[in-house]
Amino acid sequence: MRNLIYLLTVILAFVVSSCSKSSSRHDREISDAEDIMWSDADSALRMLESIDPSELAEDSSRAKYHYLVAYGHMRRNRSMVGDSLISFAHDYYRGKDVVRGVRSGMAFAWYKFWAGDTPGAIAMLDSLVGLPDVPDSIMVQTLRTRVLLGAAEYQGRELVALARRLESLETDSIRKIEAKYMLLTGFEYAGEIDSALCVLDELVAYARQNNWGDRHFQFEVARAQLLTEQGRNAESDLLVGEIFRKAGPDNGAADWLHFQYAINALDNGDTGRASKHLAMADSLAVRLRGEDDAYFRSYSNLLHAILDFKQTGRVKLMHINGLNNRQSERFNRLEASRWESERGALRQQNRALALKAESEHKTVVILIIGIVALLVVAGAFWVVITRRQRERENEERIEALQKMVDEYKSVPSAAQEPEIKDSSALRSVMLKQLGIIKMVAETPTEQNREMLRKISSIDGETNGELVDWENLYKITDNLYSGFHATLHNRYGDVLSQKEEQIIVLMVAGFSTKEISVITGQTTSTIYVRKSSIRKKLGMPEKDDIVGFLLNQAKN
């Protein structure tokens, strides 16, 4: 038995040690992934994919794991639909670790965006950019994300304030220009075209100064659009003509430039010129963009509908359907991309589950066998210990009973030995008798019952019962001031013999269970008889029978 217990203990210790080593190894791998996340996110993600998160027992390890996985997906612009546990990581780090708290919050916001909750993502980012004591290097990343989402939601004045703050924190010149361009977007959405043009002048000057051909071209196109937005159509046409002169008629934005010509002409009421430039824009879009011209056509169809209404006074359903179809097509592409991302996330989860099942199968089997064996041994050990304890207790009770019997036999009864006149000695003998009876009632084995019958039959016949009731009544009268005699004289014609026996045992301090053993009745029967006694004595159901009778005896 001892050898088996020792073997099981060794097995369990080995399993626990293995789990501890595995957990320690995972902690090191997660820390290594965090170290390279900022320089090589793909390698960091591969390291994290080799870890089964269900093996991470500590909240700190689990939070770090889910934070890094989600942050890596965000950095690589991968699907985040499977990163719902980033909420657990953010809750863990919030208020404890400023850097990880902000970065996990950014990842949580990006997860919300992927899940279709853009307002929730913006609210999360707003809570982060309002935090105090955040390092500029961390805050600038949060502001970039917040400004991008704000622009996607066509925010105006709110976006202006955020873009200005972002520009002040950026240290890289390229990043500063990007922040200034977002400031331009904010002014445009806010309807502050003059401010937008001022910012655009700065951008054009910077691009010209640094020989940024592509950016200079982009900013000039944006200027033409802003001039049209401000109603300065002639200036917009001149600028578009200047762009064509410098960049050629087949430049990369030729379709959009002809589209700008068409809008200016339409604003001036020249529908013929507008139709001509719109047709050229449509032709160029097909040639320049091929199958990827859906975005352009969503604008073109709207302008066609406006032109037809201007020329004919009617709205053609064809153009409305075309506009709707372009939007539906774009939406379906986005949905298809999202579904593909979700499928990719599910495939990753399935691979992780397969690896988990393969790596843990043997360990689980060994652990189950060890636990079952330990439970069996522990159960057997408990049964053996319990039996030995009971045997020891029974032996002690038998020895005590035998000693009481010997002492009781050696002491002559009061009736036989009149020379015993010391009331304390007599009381001691009677209490011993009651103690013997009570001990048997507590442990009612057949051996104890037989011994009690022998004790009770020393002074008289028991008539098959456990005790000699006449002798017990005498003991009660001597110990409790004639209690039984008073009870019998006053209520003998009302109470039954069984009820008198119950009351006498109650006076002697016996419990309901002990009374049931001595009288040979069930405990439920004893409760019923107690209720009957209360009724016969004319007392309330909940009152104490012994206390009631003792008070009556005093009175």
Protein backbone atom coordinates (compact mmCIF):
# COMPACT_ATOMS: atom_id res chain seq x y z
CA MET A 1 0.00 0.00 0.00
CA ARG A 2 2.73 2.45 0.97
CA ASN A 3 4.74 1.64 -2.16
CA LEU A 4 1.68 2.23 -4.36
CA ILE A 5 0.95 5.59 -2.72
CA TYR A 6 4.59 6.56 -3.13
CA LEU A 7 4.51 5.62 -6.83
CA LEU A 8 1.34 7.64 -7.46
CA THR A 9 2.81 10.62 -5.64
CA VAL A 10 5.88 10.47 -7.87
CA ILE A 11 3.67 10.30 -11.00
CA LEU A 12 1.60 13.29 -9.94
CA ALA A 13 4.72 15.24 -9.04
CA PHE A 14 6.12 14.48 -12.49
CA VAL A 15 2.92 15.65 -14.21
CA VAL A 16 2.80 18.86 -12.16
CA SER A 17 6.48 19.48 -12.85
CA SER A 18 5.93 18.94 -16.58
CA CYS A 19 3.04 21.39 -16.58
CA SER A 20 5.15 23.91 -14.70
CA LYS A 21 8.04 23.53 -17.16
CA SER A 22 5.63 23.87 -20.10
CA SER A 23 4.17 27.04 -18.61
CA SER A 24 7.65 28.47 -18.02
CA ARG A 25 8.66 27.65 -21.61
CA HIS A 26 5.54 29.37 -22.96
CA ASP A 27 6.28 32.47 -20.88
CA ARG A 28 9.76 32.68 -22.41
CA GLU A 29 8.38 32.22 -25.94
CA ILE A 30 5.76 34.95 -25.40
CA SER A 31 8.43 37.34 -24.08
CA ASP A 32 10.66 36.58 -27.10
CA ALA A 33 7.72 37.25 -29.43
CA GLU A 34 7.11 40.60 -27.72
CA ASP A 35 10.78 41.56 -28.20
CA ILE A 36 10.66 41.10 -31.98
CA MET A 37 7.03 42.22 -32.54
CA TRP A 38 8.06 45.80 -33.39
CA SER A 39 10.73 44.77 -35.92
CA ASP A 40 9.30 41.55 -37.40
CA ALA A 41 5.59 41.05 -36.66
CA ASP A 42 5.31 38.00 -38.96
CA SER A 43 8.01 36.07 -37.07
CA ALA A 44 6.45 37.07 -33.74
CA LEU A 45 3.06 35.79 -34.89
CA ARG A 46 4.57 32.48 -36.01
CA MET A 47 6.10 32.05 -32.56
CA LEU A 48 2.77 32.77 -30.91
CA GLU A 49 0.87 30.37 -33.20
CA SER A 50 2.97 27.49 -31.84
CA ILE A 51 1.54 28.10 -28.35
CA ASP A 52 -1.76 26.63 -27.20
CA PRO A 53 -3.42 29.37 -25.10
CA SER A 54 -5.36 26.77 -23.08
CA GLU A 55 -2.02 25.71 -21.53
CA LEU A 56 -1.49 29.19 -20.06
CA ALA A 57 -2.64 28.96 -16.46
CA GLU A 58 -1.73 32.46 -15.26
CA ASP A 59 -3.89 35.47 -16.17
CA SER A 60 -0.74 37.47 -16.86
CA SER A 61 0.45 34.96 -19.48
CA ARG A 62 -2.97 34.70 -21.11
CA ALA A 63 -3.38 38.48 -21.25
CA LYS A 64 0.08 38.94 -22.79
CA TYR A 65 -0.54 36.21 -25.35
CA HIS A 66 -3.90 37.55 -26.58
CA TYR A 67 -2.60 41.13 -26.55
CA LEU A 68 0.40 40.27 -28.75
CA VAL A 69 -1.60 38.13 -31.19
CA ALA A 70 -4.20 40.86 -31.72
CA TYR A 71 -1.57 43.60 -31.93
CA GLY A 72 0.39 41.57 -34.49
CA HIS A 73 -2.73 41.11 -36.62
CA MET A 74 -3.36 44.85 -36.42
CA ARG A 75 0.22 45.69 -37.48
CA ARG A 76 0.04 43.30 -40.45
CA ASN A 77 -3.51 44.43 -41.34
CA ARG A 78 -4.82 40.87 -40.99
CA SER A 79 -8.32 39.79 -40.08
CA MET A 80 -9.08 40.33 -36.40
CA VAL A 81 -12.48 38.64 -36.28
CA GLY A 82 -10.99 35.84 -34.19
CA ASP A 83 -9.32 38.17 -31.65
CA SER A 84 -12.29 38.68 -29.32
CA LEU A 85 -10.15 37.83 -26.27
CA ILE A 86 -8.26 41.09 -26.73
CA SER A 87 -11.00 42.49 -24.45
CA PHE A 88 -9.69 40.24 -21.64
CA ALA A 89 -6.12 41.45 -22.24
CA HIS A 90 -7.19 45.12 -22.25
CA ASP A 91 -9.15 44.70 -19.01
CA TYR A 92 -6.09 43.07 -17.43
CA TYR A 93 -3.61 45.81 -18.43
CA ARG A 94 -5.90 48.83 -17.99
CA GLY A 95 -4.72 50.83 -15.01
CA LYS A 96 -1.72 48.51 -14.43
CA ASP A 97 0.60 48.98 -17.42
CA VAL A 98 0.36 52.24 -19.41
CA VAL A 99 2.11 51.02 -22.57
CA ARG A 100 0.39 47.65 -22.83
CA GLY A 101 -2.88 49.17 -21.69
CA VAL A 102 -2.87 51.70 -24.57
CA ARG A 103 -1.61 49.23 -27.17
CA SER A 104 -4.13 46.55 -26.16
CA GLY A 105 -6.80 49.26 -26.28
CA MET A 106 -5.75 50.12 -29.84
CA ALA A 107 -5.96 46.45 -30.82
CA PHE A 108 -9.37 46.20 -29.13
CA ALA A 109 -10.58 49.23 -31.11
CA TRP A 110 -9.30 47.70 -34.35
CA TYR A 111 -11.08 44.43 -33.46
CA LYS A 112 -14.31 46.41 -33.02
CA PHE A 113 -13.73 47.96 -36.45
CA TRP A 114 -13.28 44.52 -38.04
CA ALA A 115 -16.43 43.32 -36.26
CA GLY A 116 -18.40 46.18 -37.84
CA ASP A 117 -18.62 48.39 -34.75
CA THR A 118 -16.87 51.51 -36.05
CA PRO A 119 -18.57 53.86 -33.53
CA GLY A 120 -17.42 51.56 -30.72
CA ALA A 121 -13.88 51.59 -32.13
CA ILE A 122 -13.86 55.39 -32.24
CA ALA A 123 -15.20 55.62 -28.67
CA MET A 124 -12.45 53.26 -27.49
CA LEU A 125 -9.75 55.33 -29.21
CA ASP A 126 -11.19 58.56 -27.79
CA SER A 127 -10.84 57.11 -24.29
CA LEU A 128 -7.19 56.27 -25.04
CA VAL A 129 -6.17 59.64 -26.50
CA GLY A 130 -7.62 61.30 -23.40
CA LEU A 131 -5.36 59.37 -21.01
CA PRO A 132 -2.70 61.36 -19.12
CA ASP A 133 0.99 60.48 -18.79
CA VAL A 134 1.15 58.37 -21.96
CA PRO A 135 4.56 58.48 -23.74
CA ASP A 136 4.47 60.43 -27.02
CA SER A 137 5.78 57.43 -28.97
CA ILE A 138 2.72 55.43 -27.86
CA MET A 139 0.20 58.26 -28.10
CA VAL A 140 1.19 59.10 -31.67
CA GLN A 141 0.31 55.55 -32.80
CA THR A 142 -3.09 55.85 -31.14
CA LEU A 143 -3.75 59.23 -32.74
CA ARG A 144 -2.88 57.92 -36.21
CA THR A 145 -5.46 55.15 -35.86
CA ARG A 146 -8.05 57.53 -34.44
CA VAL A 147 -7.53 60.10 -37.25
CA LEU A 148 -7.83 57.42 -39.96
CA LEU A 149 -11.13 56.14 -38.55
CA GLY A 150 -12.38 59.72 -38.13
CA ALA A 151 -11.66 60.43 -41.79
CA ALA A 152 -13.45 57.20 -42.78
CA GLU A 153 -16.49 58.47 -40.85
CA TYR A 154 -16.31 61.96 -42.50
CA GLN A 155 -15.72 63.76 -39.20
CA GLY A 156 -14.97 67.50 -39.41
CA ARG A 157 -14.06 69.76 -36.50
CA GLU A 158 -13.32 66.79 -34.24
CA LEU A 159 -10.91 65.44 -36.85
CA VAL A 160 -9.21 68.87 -37.15
CA ALA A 161 -8.32 68.94 -33.43
CA LEU A 162 -6.98 65.37 -33.51
CA ALA A 163 -4.96 65.95 -36.70
CA ARG A 164 -3.34 69.09 -35.24
CA ARG A 165 -2.36 67.18 -32.12
CA LEU A 166 -0.99 64.35 -34.26
CA GLU A 167 1.06 66.76 -36.36
CA SER A 168 2.58 68.30 -33.23
CA LEU A 169 3.66 64.87 -31.94
CA GLU A 170 5.06 63.46 -35.20
CA THR A 171 8.86 63.64 -35.46
CA ASP A 172 9.30 62.17 -38.94
CA SER A 173 8.85 64.70 -41.80
CA ILE A 174 6.85 62.28 -43.95
CA ARG A 175 4.54 61.49 -41.04
CA LYS A 176 4.06 65.21 -40.43
CA ILE A 177 2.94 65.71 -44.03
CA GLU A 178 0.50 62.80 -43.68
CA ALA A 179 -0.90 64.39 -40.51
CA LYS A 180 -1.23 67.74 -42.30
CA TYR A 181 -3.10 66.04 -45.14
CA MET A 182 -5.54 64.58 -42.56
CA LEU A 183 -5.90 68.13 -41.20
CA LEU A 184 -6.82 69.23 -44.74
CA THR A 185 -9.43 66.43 -44.85
CA GLY A 186 -10.89 67.56 -41.52
CA PHE A 187 -11.27 71.17 -42.73
CA GLU A 188 -12.89 69.91 -45.94
CA TYR A 189 -15.44 67.75 -44.08
CA ALA A 190 -16.13 70.63 -41.70
CA GLY A 191 -16.94 72.89 -44.70
CA GLU A 192 -14.05 75.24 -43.93
CA ILE A 193 -12.70 75.41 -47.48
CA ASP A 194 -10.56 78.53 -46.92
CA SER A 195 -8.68 76.78 -44.11
CA ALA A 196 -8.38 73.65 -46.23
CA LEU A 197 -6.87 75.69 -49.09
CA CYS A 198 -4.36 77.29 -46.71
CA VAL A 199 -3.21 73.87 -45.56
CA LEU A 200 -3.09 72.67 -49.16
CA ASP A 201 -0.86 75.64 -50.11
CA GLU A 202 1.61 74.50 -47.46
CA LEU A 203 1.51 70.95 -48.80
CA VAL A 204 2.04 72.10 -52.41
CA ALA A 205 4.97 74.28 -51.36
CA TYR A 206 6.58 71.43 -49.41
CA ALA A 207 6.12 68.98 -52.29
CA ARG A 208 7.61 71.47 -54.80
CA GLN A 209 10.52 72.22 -52.47
CA ASN A 210 11.35 68.53 -51.98
CA ASN A 211 10.73 67.52 -55.60
CA TRP A 212 7.83 65.22 -54.74
CA GLY A 213 6.43 64.81 -58.21
CA ASP A 214 3.64 62.36 -57.39
CA ARG A 215 2.64 64.15 -54.19
CA HIS A 216 2.76 67.54 -55.93
CA PHE A 217 0.45 66.17 -58.63
CA GLN A 218 -1.91 64.72 -55.98
CA PHE A 219 -2.07 68.01 -54.07
CA GLU A 220 -2.78 70.01 -57.26
CA VAL A 221 -5.71 67.69 -58.10
CA ALA A 222 -7.03 68.17 -54.55
CA ARG A 223 -6.73 71.97 -55.01
CA ALA A 224 -8.85 71.81 -58.19
CA GLN A 225 -11.52 69.88 -56.30
CA LEU A 226 -11.52 72.37 -53.41
CA LEU A 227 -11.82 75.33 -55.79
CA THR A 228 -14.91 73.70 -57.32
CA GLU A 229 -16.26 73.06 -53.82
CA GLN A 230 -15.88 76.79 -53.12
CA GLY A 231 -17.68 77.75 -56.37
CA ARG A 232 -14.50 79.01 -58.06
CA ASN A 233 -15.13 76.93 -61.20
CA ALA A 234 -13.09 79.06 -63.62
CA GLU A 235 -10.00 78.83 -61.40
CA SER A 236 -10.59 75.09 -61.08
CA ASP A 237 -10.71 74.73 -64.89
CA LEU A 238 -7.51 76.70 -65.29
CA LEU A 239 -5.76 74.52 -62.70
CA VAL A 240 -6.98 71.31 -64.37
CA GLY A 241 -5.71 72.61 -67.72
CA GLU A 242 -2.33 73.39 -66.14
CA ILE A 243 -2.14 69.86 -64.72
CA PHE A 244 -2.89 68.37 -68.17
CA ARG A 245 -0.22 70.61 -69.71
CA LYS A 246 2.42 69.45 -67.21
CA ALA A 247 1.41 65.79 -66.79
CA GLY A 248 0.09 65.04 -70.29
CA PRO A 249 -3.37 63.96 -71.46
CA ASP A 250 -2.92 60.34 -70.38
CA ASN A 251 -1.74 60.88 -66.80
CA GLY A 252 -2.91 58.51 -64.04
CA ALA A 253 -5.70 60.84 -62.91
CA ALA A 254 -6.93 61.86 -66.38
CA ASP A 255 -10.38 60.32 -65.80
CA TRP A 256 -10.81 62.25 -62.54
CA LEU A 257 -9.59 65.50 -64.16
CA HIS A 258 -12.16 65.19 -66.98
CA PHE A 259 -14.71 64.37 -64.31
CA GLN A 260 -13.75 67.65 -62.61
CA TYR A 261 -14.23 69.49 -65.93
CA ALA A 262 -17.71 67.93 -66.16
CA ILE A 263 -18.68 69.06 -62.66
CA ASN A 264 -17.49 72.62 -63.35
CA ALA A 265 -19.43 72.72 -66.62
CA LEU A 266 -22.54 71.37 -64.92
CA ASP A 267 -22.25 74.01 -62.19
CA ASN A 268 -22.07 76.67 -64.96
CA GLY A 269 -25.14 75.24 -66.71
CA ASP A 270 -23.22 73.97 -69.74
CA THR A 271 -24.73 70.47 -69.94
CA GLY A 272 -23.28 69.80 -73.40
CA ARG A 273 -19.71 70.37 -72.26
CA ALA A 274 -20.43 68.43 -69.09
CA SER A 275 -21.68 65.42 -71.12
CA LYS A 276 -18.61 65.55 -73.37
CA HIS A 277 -16.10 65.50 -70.49
CA LEU A 278 -18.09 62.86 -68.59
CA ALA A 279 -17.99 60.57 -71.63
CA MET A 280 -14.22 61.08 -71.87
CA ALA A 281 -13.88 60.36 -68.15
CA ASP A 282 -15.84 57.09 -68.50
CA SER A 283 -13.70 56.00 -71.46
CA LEU A 284 -10.46 56.78 -69.67
CA ALA A 285 -11.60 54.99 -66.50
CA VAL A 286 -12.18 51.77 -68.45
CA ARG A 287 -8.76 52.06 -70.10
CA LEU A 288 -6.81 53.17 -67.04
CA ARG A 289 -8.51 51.07 -64.35
CA GLY A 290 -9.98 48.09 -66.20
CA GLU A 291 -12.10 45.93 -63.94
CA ASP A 292 -11.21 48.07 -60.95
CA ASP A 293 -13.28 51.08 -62.05
CA ALA A 294 -16.29 50.40 -59.77
CA TYR A 295 -15.34 53.22 -57.41
CA PHE A 296 -15.17 55.74 -60.27
CA ARG A 297 -18.44 54.52 -61.80
CA SER A 298 -20.25 55.03 -58.47
CA TYR A 299 -19.56 58.77 -58.96
CA SER A 300 -20.03 58.74 -62.72
CA ASN A 301 -23.53 57.21 -62.56
CA LEU A 302 -24.67 59.91 -60.16
CA LEU A 303 -23.41 62.66 -62.48
CA HIS A 304 -25.10 60.96 -65.47
CA ALA A 305 -28.41 60.96 -63.58
CA ILE A 306 -28.06 64.68 -62.80
CA LEU A 307 -27.18 65.51 -66.43
CA ASP A 308 -30.15 63.56 -67.79
CA PHE A 309 -32.46 65.35 -65.40
CA LYS A 310 -31.01 68.71 -66.47
CA GLN A 311 -31.40 67.89 -70.17
CA THR A 312 -34.73 66.03 -70.20
CA GLY A 313 -36.39 66.90 -66.91
CA ARG A 314 -36.65 63.18 -66.15
CA VAL A 315 -34.77 60.81 -63.88
CA LYS A 316 -33.65 57.64 -65.66
CA LEU A 317 -33.97 54.52 -63.55
CA MET A 318 -31.03 53.02 -65.42
CA HIS A 319 -28.60 55.45 -63.80
CA ILE A 320 -30.13 54.99 -60.36
CA ASN A 321 -29.83 51.22 -60.74
CA GLY A 322 -26.25 51.63 -61.94
CA LEU A 323 -25.41 53.71 -58.88
CA ASN A 324 -27.05 51.17 -56.60
CA ASN A 325 -25.33 48.28 -58.34
CA ARG A 326 -21.92 49.93 -57.93
CA GLN A 327 -22.55 50.40 -54.23
CA SER A 328 -23.85 46.84 -53.90
CA GLU A 329 -20.83 45.54 -55.78
CA ARG A 330 -18.47 47.40 -53.47
CA PHE A 331 -20.36 46.19 -50.42
CA ASN A 332 -20.28 42.58 -51.67
CA ARG A 333 -16.55 42.80 -52.24
CA LEU A 334 -16.04 44.03 -48.71
CA GLU A 335 -18.29 41.28 -47.36
CA ALA A 336 -16.45 38.65 -49.40
CA SER A 337 -13.16 39.94 -48.03
CA ARG A 338 -14.52 39.83 -44.50
CA TRP A 339 -15.86 36.29 -44.95
CA GLU A 340 -12.54 35.15 -46.34
CA SER A 341 -10.80 36.69 -43.33
CA GLU A 342 -13.20 34.89 -41.01
CA ARG A 343 -12.58 31.60 -42.77
CA GLY A 344 -8.86 32.17 -42.45
CA ALA A 345 -9.26 32.82 -38.73
CA LEU A 346 -11.34 29.65 -38.37
CA ARG A 347 -8.70 27.63 -40.24
CA GLN A 348 -6.05 28.94 -37.85
CA GLN A 349 -8.21 27.98 -34.88
CA ASN A 350 -8.77 24.49 -36.32
CA ARG A 351 -5.04 24.02 -36.80
CA ALA A 352 -4.42 25.12 -33.23
CA LEU A 353 -7.07 22.71 -31.93
CA ALA A 354 -5.57 19.85 -33.93
CA LEU A 355 -2.12 20.55 -32.53
CA LYS A 356 -3.58 20.73 -29.05
CA ALA A 357 -5.36 17.37 -29.39
CA GLU A 358 -2.22 15.75 -30.76
CA SER A 359 0.15 17.12 -28.12
CA GLU A 360 -2.06 16.62 -25.09
CA HIS A 361 -3.60 13.19 -25.72
CA LYS A 362 -0.96 11.14 -23.93
CA THR A 363 -0.62 13.60 -21.07
CA VAL A 364 -4.37 13.59 -20.47
CA VAL A 365 -4.54 9.78 -20.46
CA ILE A 366 -1.67 9.51 -17.98
CA LEU A 367 -3.16 12.20 -15.78
CA ILE A 368 -6.60 10.54 -15.74
CA ILE A 369 -5.12 7.14 -14.91
CA GLY A 370 -3.03 8.68 -12.13
CA ILE A 371 -5.97 10.57 -10.65
CA VAL A 372 -8.27 7.51 -10.77
CA ALA A 373 -5.62 5.32 -9.18
CA LEU A 374 -4.97 7.92 -6.51
CA LEU A 375 -8.68 8.21 -5.76
CA VAL A 376 -9.01 4.41 -5.51
CA VAL A 377 -6.04 4.15 -3.17
CA ALA A 378 -7.20 7.11 -1.12
CA GLY A 379 -10.68 5.59 -0.85
CA ALA A 380 -9.31 2.22 0.22
CA PHE A 381 -7.00 3.90 2.70
CA TRP A 382 -9.89 5.93 4.13
CA VAL A 383 -12.05 2.79 4.50
CA VAL A 384 -9.26 0.95 6.32
CA ILE A 385 -8.58 3.89 8.63
CA THR A 386 -12.29 4.35 9.35
CA ARG A 387 -12.78 0.67 10.17
CA ARG A 388 -9.80 0.61 12.45
CA GLN A 389 -11.03 3.75 14.18
CA ARG A 390 -14.46 2.25 14.71
CA GLU A 391 -13.00 -1.01 15.99
CA ARG A 392 -10.82 0.92 18.40
CA GLU A 393 -13.79 2.99 19.61
CA ASN A 394 -15.92 -0.14 20.05
CA GLU A 395 -13.17 -1.82 22.02
CA GLU A 396 -12.85 1.24 24.23
CA ARG A 397 -16.63 1.35 24.80
CA ILE A 398 -16.79 -2.37 25.58
CA GLU A 399 -13.90 -2.00 28.00
CA ALA A 400 -15.61 0.99 29.66
CA LEU A 401 -18.92 -0.86 29.87
CA GLN A 402 -17.24 -3.93 31.34
CA LYS A 403 -15.51 -1.75 33.92
CA MET A 404 -18.85 -0.13 34.81
CA VAL A 405 -20.48 -3.55 35.12
CA ASP A 406 -17.73 -4.75 37.42
CA GLU A 407 -18.00 -1.60 39.54
CA TYR A 408 -21.78 -1.85 39.64
CA LYS A 409 -21.64 -5.49 40.75
CA SER A 410 -19.12 -4.67 43.46
CA VAL A 411 -21.35 -1.93 44.94
CA PRO A 412 -24.35 -3.33 46.96
CA SER A 413 -27.75 -1.85 46.19
CA ALA A 414 -29.39 0.56 48.59
CA ALA A 415 -32.06 -1.98 49.42
CA GLN A 416 -29.56 -4.72 50.29
CA GLU A 417 -27.07 -2.59 52.22
CA PRO A 418 -28.75 -0.17 54.55
CA GLU A 419 -25.34 0.86 55.84
CA ILE A 420 -24.80 2.97 52.66
CA LYS A 421 -26.28 6.15 53.94
CA ASP A 422 -24.06 8.66 52.20
CA SER A 423 -26.36 10.33 49.63
CA SER A 424 -23.41 11.40 47.47
CA ALA A 425 -22.22 7.77 47.16
CA LEU A 426 -25.72 6.64 46.26
CA ARG A 427 -26.05 9.44 43.72
CA SER A 428 -22.73 8.43 42.19
CA VAL A 429 -23.90 4.86 41.74
CA MET A 430 -27.13 5.95 40.09
CA LEU A 431 -25.35 8.36 37.76
CA LYS A 432 -23.06 5.53 36.70
CA GLN A 433 -26.10 3.43 35.88
CA LEU A 434 -27.52 6.24 33.75
CA GLY A 435 -24.09 6.67 32.13
CA ILE A 436 -24.07 3.01 31.14
CA ILE A 437 -27.54 3.29 29.63
CA LYS A 438 -26.61 6.48 27.76
CA MET A 439 -23.43 4.96 26.38
CA VAL A 440 -25.35 2.02 24.98
CA ALA A 441 -27.92 4.39 23.46
CA GLU A 442 -25.15 6.34 21.73
CA THR A 443 -23.66 3.15 20.19
CA PRO A 444 -26.55 0.65 19.96
CA THR A 445 -24.59 -2.44 18.82
CA GLU A 446 -26.02 -5.85 19.64
CA GLN A 447 -23.10 -6.53 21.93
CA ASN A 448 -23.78 -3.33 23.90
CA ARG A 449 -27.51 -4.08 24.10
CA GLU A 450 -26.84 -7.53 25.53
CA MET A 451 -24.49 -6.09 28.13
CA LEU A 452 -27.13 -3.52 29.14
CA ARG A 453 -29.71 -6.28 29.61
CA LYS A 454 -27.27 -8.11 31.88
CA ILE A 455 -26.69 -4.99 33.96
CA SER A 456 -30.42 -4.26 34.26
CA SER A 457 -31.26 -7.85 35.23
CA ILE A 458 -28.94 -7.75 38.25
CA ASP A 459 -31.63 -6.12 40.43
CA GLY A 460 -34.73 -7.48 38.66
CA GLU A 461 -36.34 -8.70 35.45
CA THR A 462 -36.31 -6.62 32.27
CA ASN A 463 -38.99 -8.70 30.50
CA GLY A 464 -37.02 -8.55 27.25
CA GLU A 465 -36.51 -4.78 27.31
CA LEU A 466 -33.11 -3.11 27.50
CA VAL A 467 -33.64 -1.65 30.98
CA ASP A 468 -35.50 -2.45 34.19
CA TRP A 469 -38.00 0.41 34.11
CA GLU A 470 -38.96 0.09 37.79
CA ASN A 471 -35.34 0.47 38.77
CA LEU A 472 -34.97 3.40 36.34
CA TYR A 473 -38.01 5.12 37.86
CA LYS A 474 -36.42 4.77 41.32
CA ILE A 475 -33.18 6.24 40.04
CA THR A 476 -35.11 9.18 38.54
CA ASP A 477 -37.00 9.79 41.80
CA ASN A 478 -33.77 9.76 43.80
CA LEU A 479 -31.87 11.99 41.40
CA TYR A 480 -34.69 14.40 40.50
CA SER A 481 -36.67 14.85 43.73
CA GLY A 482 -39.39 12.24 43.20
CA PHE A 483 -40.06 13.34 39.62
CA HIS A 484 -41.57 10.07 38.36
CA ALA A 485 -43.73 9.52 41.44
CA THR A 486 -45.16 13.05 41.10
CA LEU A 487 -45.69 12.56 37.37
CA HIS A 488 -47.45 9.23 37.82
CA ASN A 489 -49.69 10.47 40.65
CA ARG A 490 -50.76 13.55 38.76
CA TYR A 491 -51.00 12.25 35.16
CA GLY A 492 -50.99 8.46 35.52
CA ASP A 493 -54.55 8.17 34.28
CA VAL A 494 -53.80 10.42 31.27
CA LEU A 495 -50.37 9.33 30.10
CA SER A 496 -49.58 5.89 28.71
CA GLN A 497 -46.71 3.78 29.99
CA LYS A 498 -44.62 4.53 26.86
CA GLU A 499 -45.22 8.27 27.31
CA GLU A 500 -44.09 8.11 30.97
CA GLN A 501 -40.93 6.29 29.87
CA ILE A 502 -40.19 8.99 27.29
CA ILE A 503 -40.66 11.79 29.85
CA VAL A 504 -38.41 10.06 32.40
CA LEU A 505 -35.63 9.63 29.81
CA MET A 506 -36.02 13.27 28.76
CA VAL A 507 -35.58 14.38 32.39
CA ALA A 508 -32.41 12.25 32.58
CA GLY A 509 -30.97 14.14 29.57
CA PHE A 510 -31.42 11.55 26.82
CA SER A 511 -31.73 12.78 23.21
CA THR A 512 -34.58 11.77 20.92
CA LYS A 513 -32.36 9.29 19.11
CA GLU A 514 -31.17 7.77 22.39
CA ILE A 515 -34.76 7.55 23.65
CA SER A 516 -35.75 5.69 20.47
CA VAL A 517 -32.94 3.14 21.09
CA ILE A 518 -33.83 2.54 24.76
CA THR A 519 -37.58 2.31 24.17
CA GLY A 520 -37.27 0.34 20.93
CA GLN A 521 -39.21 2.88 18.85
CA THR A 522 -38.35 4.94 15.79
CA THR A 523 -37.44 8.60 16.15
CA SER A 524 -40.55 9.63 14.19
CA THR A 525 -42.67 7.69 16.68
CA ILE A 526 -40.96 9.53 19.53
CA TYR A 527 -41.81 12.88 17.93
CA VAL A 528 -45.44 11.82 17.53
CA ARG A 529 -45.61 10.72 21.16
CA LYS A 530 -44.11 14.03 22.30
CA SER A 531 -46.88 15.87 20.45
CA SER A 532 -49.43 13.60 22.12
CA ILE A 533 -47.89 14.32 25.54
CA ARG A 534 -48.17 18.09 24.97
CA LYS A 535 -51.83 17.76 24.03
CA LYS A 536 -52.59 15.64 27.09
CA LEU A 537 -50.78 18.06 29.38
CA GLY A 538 -52.57 20.99 27.77
CA MET A 539 -49.41 22.84 26.72
CA PRO A 540 -48.40 24.55 23.43
CA GLU A 541 -46.74 22.48 20.71
CA LYS A 542 -43.35 24.20 20.89
CA ASP A 543 -42.97 24.36 24.70
CA ASP A 544 -40.46 22.29 26.67
CA ILE A 545 -42.17 19.30 28.30
CA VAL A 546 -39.60 18.84 31.07
CA GLY A 547 -39.52 22.54 31.92
CA PHE A 548 -43.33 22.60 32.07
CA LEU A 549 -43.49 19.62 34.46
CA LEU A 550 -40.68 20.93 36.71
CA ASN A 551 -42.44 24.29 37.02
CA GLN A 552 -45.66 22.55 37.95
CA ALA A 553 -43.79 20.50 40.58
CA LYS A 554 -42.41 23.71 42.13
CA ASN A 555 -45.85 25.32 42.21
